[in-house]
Amino acid sequence: MIFKGIVRGMKETKSSLTKTEHLEMSRKAWDAYHPYYTSFKLKKRPDFHRFFAEGGVELNDVEVKLAGDVKGKKLLDICCAGDAAQAFSWENLGAKVVACDFSPVAIELAKRNAEKIGSRIEFKVADAQILAPIADNQFDIVYATYVCWLEDLVQAARAWHRILKPGGRLLLSLNHPVVESLKETDRGLTVTRDYFDNSPEYSSFTGTPIADEYGGWDGNLPIVEFFHSLADVINAIAGTGLCIKQMVETRAPEEQSPLLSRLPKYVAYVAGKEVS
């Protein structure tokens, strides 16, 4: 699943900060927000723990189809968040799951949820661009999402390639960058960003849309996102030696805008690591 409209507020671009400073900025914001996000999620889904304890799955149908039969497969979720709903879903489909997040707070919350569910998932604090705690050639499937938080997609793809077993597969799912550059108005579609500008985008983080449903979150902490074009993604994957097997563009089922509903909202890739 993919967060929609994950950061609100006016954005500005600049590039004076280092990659480490960017990472720490976002980590601080997410560490602060995650307890609230998890609380909001449980309010919205009071049956959250029972749902997953009873084998529930909360994944995009396209992702499930692209992943194929995951029973007995070792799968890494690179960005599980505090609710870890996707990780629990893959486990319920039969995968042996390891789940990571760059936020220590998120991982602690995920562990608590796992205890209540009875999950056996192994959780690790890790930057998805490096995955330092993960040894080489460990996983049958790497499930990658939320790449808007990854500054160095080339470095990240190399890490995903490194930890995949020979014959393993990458499943990468993200919001479609073309549609992310558009907005529908009364006069039609408007281009809201330069598609070819990949400068860091800074904003004041006020949470995800679920926060608005429960009175909002007033953290207002600085955060940074990164835009990746279709070419950026394809070149990052292909540059590692992974072979792209499939690319799928899908509509958002909840999208009601007459013009945007004719365009793809999400894009997913499946890429394989060659057997030596």
Protein backbone atom coordinates (compact mmCIF):
# COMPACT_ATOMS: atom_id res chain seq x y z
CA MET A 1 0.00 0.00 0.00
CA ILE A 2 1.13 3.55 -0.67
CA PHE A 3 0.48 6.65 1.37
CA LYS A 4 -1.44 9.26 -0.60
CA GLY A 5 -0.50 12.91 -0.14
CA ILE A 6 1.94 11.95 2.56
CA VAL A 7 3.30 15.43 3.24
CA ARG A 8 1.10 18.51 3.29
CA GLY A 9 2.06 22.18 3.10
CA MET A 10 4.01 24.37 0.73
CA LYS A 11 7.22 22.80 -0.48
CA GLU A 12 10.49 24.53 -1.22
CA THR A 13 13.62 23.18 -2.79
CA LYS A 14 17.24 23.68 -1.81
CA SER A 15 20.28 21.46 -1.63
CA SER A 16 22.56 22.77 1.09
CA LEU A 17 22.26 19.75 3.39
CA THR A 18 24.19 16.49 3.20
CA LYS A 19 22.67 13.03 2.74
CA THR A 20 23.32 12.27 6.40
CA GLU A 21 21.57 15.46 7.47
CA HIS A 22 18.62 14.64 5.22
CA LEU A 23 18.35 11.17 6.73
CA GLU A 24 18.47 12.48 10.29
CA MET A 25 15.89 15.16 9.49
CA SER A 26 13.40 12.61 8.22
CA ARG A 27 14.19 10.10 10.97
CA LYS A 28 13.51 12.73 13.64
CA ALA A 29 10.17 13.63 12.06
CA TRP A 30 9.06 10.01 11.72
CA ASP A 31 10.26 9.09 15.22
CA ALA A 32 8.04 11.87 16.56
CA TYR A 33 5.02 10.98 14.42
CA HIS A 34 5.01 7.19 14.55
CA PRO A 35 3.35 6.82 17.99
CA TYR A 36 0.54 9.07 16.80
CA TYR A 37 0.28 7.32 13.45
CA THR A 38 0.00 3.92 15.13
CA SER A 39 -2.59 5.28 17.55
CA PHE A 40 -4.64 6.73 14.69
CA LYS A 41 -4.39 3.44 12.79
CA LEU A 42 -5.71 1.48 15.79
CA LYS A 43 -8.56 3.93 16.25
CA LYS A 44 -9.55 3.52 12.63
CA ARG A 45 -9.07 -0.24 12.76
CA PRO A 46 -10.05 -1.40 16.28
CA ASP A 47 -9.84 -4.96 14.96
CA PHE A 48 -6.26 -4.43 13.70
CA HIS A 49 -4.58 -7.06 15.87
CA ARG A 50 -7.39 -9.59 15.52
CA PHE A 51 -7.51 -9.08 11.75
CA PHE A 52 -3.87 -10.03 11.28
CA ALA A 53 -3.91 -12.68 14.01
CA GLU A 54 -6.66 -14.40 12.03
CA GLY A 55 -4.70 -14.32 8.78
CA GLY A 56 -5.85 -11.02 7.27
CA VAL A 57 -4.08 -9.48 4.29
CA GLU A 58 -3.89 -5.74 3.58
CA LEU A 59 -1.98 -5.51 0.32
CA ASN A 60 -2.61 -4.20 -3.18
CA ASP A 61 -4.01 -7.03 -5.35
CA VAL A 62 -1.53 -6.17 -8.10
CA GLU A 63 1.40 -6.55 -5.69
CA VAL A 64 0.15 -9.92 -4.50
CA LYS A 65 -0.22 -11.12 -8.08
CA LEU A 66 3.22 -9.88 -9.08
CA ALA A 67 4.84 -11.51 -6.06
CA GLY A 68 3.36 -14.88 -6.91
CA ASP A 69 3.36 -17.73 -4.41
CA VAL A 70 5.41 -16.53 -1.42
CA LYS A 71 4.89 -19.58 0.78
CA GLY A 72 8.16 -20.54 2.39
CA LYS A 73 9.97 -17.65 0.67
CA LYS A 74 12.22 -15.36 2.68
CA LEU A 75 10.97 -11.81 2.14
CA LEU A 76 12.37 -8.45 3.27
CA ASP A 77 10.05 -5.46 3.71
CA ILE A 78 12.39 -2.46 3.49
CA CYS A 79 9.99 0.08 5.08
CA CYS A 80 7.53 -1.53 7.46
CA ALA A 81 6.49 1.54 9.54
CA GLY A 82 5.12 1.21 13.05
CA ASP A 83 1.94 -0.61 12.09
CA ALA A 84 3.85 -3.14 9.91
CA ALA A 85 0.57 -4.00 8.16
CA GLN A 86 2.29 -4.99 4.92
CA ALA A 87 4.82 -7.16 6.72
CA PHE A 88 2.06 -8.96 8.64
CA SER A 89 0.19 -9.44 5.37
CA TRP A 90 3.16 -11.11 3.64
CA GLU A 91 3.60 -13.34 6.66
CA ASN A 92 -0.04 -14.36 6.50
CA LEU A 93 0.46 -15.26 2.84
CA GLY A 94 3.14 -17.70 3.94
CA ALA A 95 6.40 -15.75 3.61
CA LYS A 96 9.19 -15.80 6.18
CA VAL A 97 9.42 -12.08 6.78
CA VAL A 98 12.13 -9.74 7.99
CA ALA A 99 10.98 -6.12 8.23
CA CYS A 100 13.09 -2.97 8.41
CA ASP A 101 12.55 0.71 9.02
CA PHE A 102 14.99 3.57 9.48
CA SER A 103 13.00 4.76 12.50
CA PRO A 104 13.86 3.03 15.81
CA VAL A 105 10.51 4.18 17.18
CA ALA A 106 8.70 2.51 14.28
CA ILE A 107 10.51 -0.77 14.92
CA GLU A 108 9.64 -0.76 18.63
CA LEU A 109 5.98 -0.14 17.82
CA ALA A 110 6.04 -2.86 15.17
CA LYS A 111 7.47 -5.32 17.69
CA ARG A 112 4.65 -4.53 20.13
CA ASN A 113 2.08 -5.10 17.41
CA ALA A 114 3.77 -8.37 16.52
CA GLU A 115 3.55 -9.59 20.12
CA LYS A 116 -0.20 -8.91 20.21
CA ILE A 117 -0.73 -10.62 16.87
CA GLY A 118 1.51 -13.59 17.61
CA SER A 119 3.74 -12.83 14.64
CA ARG A 120 7.21 -14.31 14.23
CA ILE A 121 8.55 -11.50 12.03
CA GLU A 122 12.10 -10.35 12.74
CA PHE A 123 12.36 -6.56 12.91
CA LYS A 124 15.52 -4.54 12.29
CA VAL A 125 16.39 -0.84 12.32
CA ALA A 126 18.00 -0.21 8.94
CA ASP A 127 18.37 2.48 6.29
CA ALA A 128 16.77 0.99 3.16
CA GLN A 129 19.50 2.59 1.05
CA ILE A 130 22.23 0.52 2.72
CA LEU A 131 20.64 -2.31 4.75
CA ALA A 132 23.83 -2.65 6.78
CA PRO A 133 22.44 -5.27 9.22
CA ILE A 134 21.50 -7.60 6.35
CA ALA A 135 24.01 -10.11 4.99
CA ASP A 136 24.47 -10.83 1.27
CA ASN A 137 22.34 -13.33 -0.68
CA GLN A 138 19.71 -13.81 2.02
CA PHE A 139 16.30 -13.16 0.47
CA ASP A 140 14.05 -14.63 -2.18
CA ILE A 141 12.03 -11.41 -2.40
CA VAL A 142 12.78 -7.78 -1.56
CA TYR A 143 9.57 -5.76 -1.21
CA ALA A 144 10.38 -2.06 -1.70
CA THR A 145 7.97 0.84 -1.19
CA TYR A 146 7.95 4.53 -0.19
CA VAL A 147 10.95 5.45 -2.33
CA CYS A 148 10.06 9.14 -1.91
CA TRP A 149 12.09 8.92 1.32
CA LEU A 150 15.16 7.49 -0.42
CA GLU A 151 17.64 10.08 -1.64
CA ASP A 152 20.06 7.72 -3.37
CA LEU A 153 17.99 5.26 -5.38
CA VAL A 154 21.07 3.86 -7.13
CA GLN A 155 22.69 3.02 -3.80
CA ALA A 156 19.42 1.53 -2.57
CA ALA A 157 19.06 -0.70 -5.64
CA ARG A 158 22.60 -1.95 -5.14
CA ALA A 159 21.73 -2.88 -1.56
CA TRP A 160 18.61 -4.73 -2.70
CA HIS A 161 20.62 -6.61 -5.31
CA ARG A 162 23.26 -7.49 -2.71
CA ILE A 163 20.85 -9.10 -0.26
CA LEU A 164 18.85 -11.03 -2.87
CA LYS A 165 19.71 -14.66 -3.43
CA PRO A 166 20.66 -15.64 -6.99
CA GLY A 167 17.29 -16.15 -8.66
CA GLY A 168 15.62 -13.82 -6.16
CA ARG A 169 13.24 -11.03 -7.13
CA LEU A 170 12.73 -7.36 -6.37
CA LEU A 171 9.13 -6.14 -6.13
CA LEU A 172 9.16 -2.34 -6.19
CA SER A 173 5.89 -0.44 -5.88
CA LEU A 174 5.45 3.35 -5.90
CA ASN A 175 3.21 6.25 -6.82
CA HIS A 176 3.45 6.98 -10.53
CA PRO A 177 5.84 9.94 -10.95
CA VAL A 178 4.01 11.38 -13.95
CA VAL A 179 0.72 11.68 -12.06
CA GLU A 180 2.61 12.95 -9.00
CA SER A 181 3.51 15.94 -11.19
CA LEU A 182 -0.11 16.78 -12.03
CA LYS A 183 -3.14 18.25 -10.31
CA GLU A 184 -6.70 18.43 -11.58
CA THR A 185 -8.40 21.82 -11.41
CA ASP A 186 -11.62 23.28 -12.83
CA ARG A 187 -9.66 24.14 -15.97
CA GLY A 188 -8.22 20.66 -16.43
CA LEU A 189 -4.87 19.14 -15.57
CA THR A 190 -2.12 21.41 -14.29
CA VAL A 191 1.56 20.55 -14.10
CA THR A 192 2.60 21.19 -10.49
CA ARG A 193 6.31 20.33 -10.68
CA ASP A 194 9.14 20.04 -13.15
CA TYR A 195 9.27 16.32 -13.91
CA PHE A 196 13.01 16.56 -14.63
CA ASP A 197 13.89 18.38 -11.40
CA ASN A 198 15.02 15.92 -8.75
CA SER A 199 16.08 18.51 -6.19
CA PRO A 200 15.23 17.69 -2.55
CA GLU A 201 11.79 18.95 -1.53
CA TYR A 202 11.54 20.33 2.00
CA SER A 203 8.32 20.86 3.88
CA SER A 204 6.79 21.00 7.33
CA PHE A 205 5.61 17.51 8.25
CA THR A 206 2.11 17.46 9.74
CA GLY A 207 1.58 13.73 9.43
CA THR A 208 -0.23 11.50 6.97
CA PRO A 209 -3.87 11.89 5.88
CA ILE A 210 -5.13 9.62 8.68
CA ALA A 211 -4.05 12.30 11.17
CA ASP A 212 -6.71 14.67 9.80
CA GLU A 213 -9.39 12.12 10.62
CA TYR A 214 -8.51 12.25 14.31
CA GLY A 215 -7.89 15.90 15.06
CA GLY A 216 -4.56 16.31 13.29
CA TRP A 217 -0.96 16.23 14.44
CA ASP A 218 0.85 19.48 15.13
CA GLY A 219 4.43 18.25 15.00
CA ASN A 220 5.34 20.61 12.15
CA LEU A 221 8.83 19.17 11.91
CA PRO A 222 11.02 19.70 8.84
CA ILE A 223 11.19 16.77 6.47
CA VAL A 224 12.52 16.09 3.00
CA GLU A 225 11.20 14.03 0.07
CA PHE A 226 12.87 12.97 -3.16
CA PHE A 227 11.30 12.72 -6.60
CA HIS A 228 12.33 9.86 -8.90
CA SER A 229 11.27 9.76 -12.55
CA LEU A 230 10.44 6.55 -14.39
CA ALA A 231 13.89 6.65 -15.98
CA ASP A 232 15.53 7.14 -12.57
CA VAL A 233 13.83 4.01 -11.26
CA ILE A 234 14.47 1.84 -14.30
CA ASN A 235 18.11 2.90 -14.58
CA ALA A 236 18.72 2.34 -10.86
CA ILE A 237 17.35 -1.20 -11.07
CA ALA A 238 19.01 -2.12 -14.37
CA GLY A 239 22.32 -0.60 -13.30
CA THR A 240 22.71 -3.23 -10.57
CA GLY A 241 22.44 -6.12 -13.02
CA LEU A 242 18.88 -6.93 -11.99
CA CYS A 243 16.77 -7.88 -15.00
CA ILE A 244 13.41 -6.12 -15.17
CA LYS A 245 10.83 -8.81 -15.89
CA GLN A 246 7.65 -6.79 -15.68
CA MET A 247 6.32 -3.26 -15.23
CA VAL A 248 2.66 -2.66 -14.38
CA GLU A 249 0.77 0.64 -14.22
CA THR A 250 -2.56 0.70 -12.36
CA ARG A 251 -5.34 3.11 -11.57
CA ALA A 252 -6.14 4.02 -7.98
CA PRO A 253 -9.49 2.39 -7.14
CA GLU A 254 -10.44 5.38 -4.98
CA GLU A 255 -9.55 7.98 -7.61
CA GLN A 256 -12.69 9.87 -8.63
CA SER A 257 -11.24 12.80 -10.59
CA PRO A 258 -12.54 12.50 -14.17
CA LEU A 259 -9.21 13.25 -15.85
CA LEU A 260 -6.80 11.69 -13.37
CA SER A 261 -8.88 8.51 -13.36
CA ARG A 262 -7.73 7.98 -16.97
CA LEU A 263 -4.09 7.96 -15.91
CA PRO A 264 -2.01 5.47 -13.92
CA LYS A 265 -1.76 6.23 -10.21
CA TYR A 266 0.71 3.48 -9.27
CA VAL A 267 3.56 1.69 -10.99
CA ALA A 268 5.22 -1.57 -9.93
CA TYR A 269 8.31 -3.40 -11.16
CA VAL A 270 9.48 -6.97 -10.84
CA ALA A 271 13.19 -7.56 -11.42
CA GLY A 272 15.23 -10.72 -11.04
CA LYS A 273 18.77 -11.46 -9.90
CA GLU A 274 20.59 -13.81 -12.24
CA VAL A 275 21.67 -17.23 -11.09
CA SER A 276 25.46 -17.43 -11.19
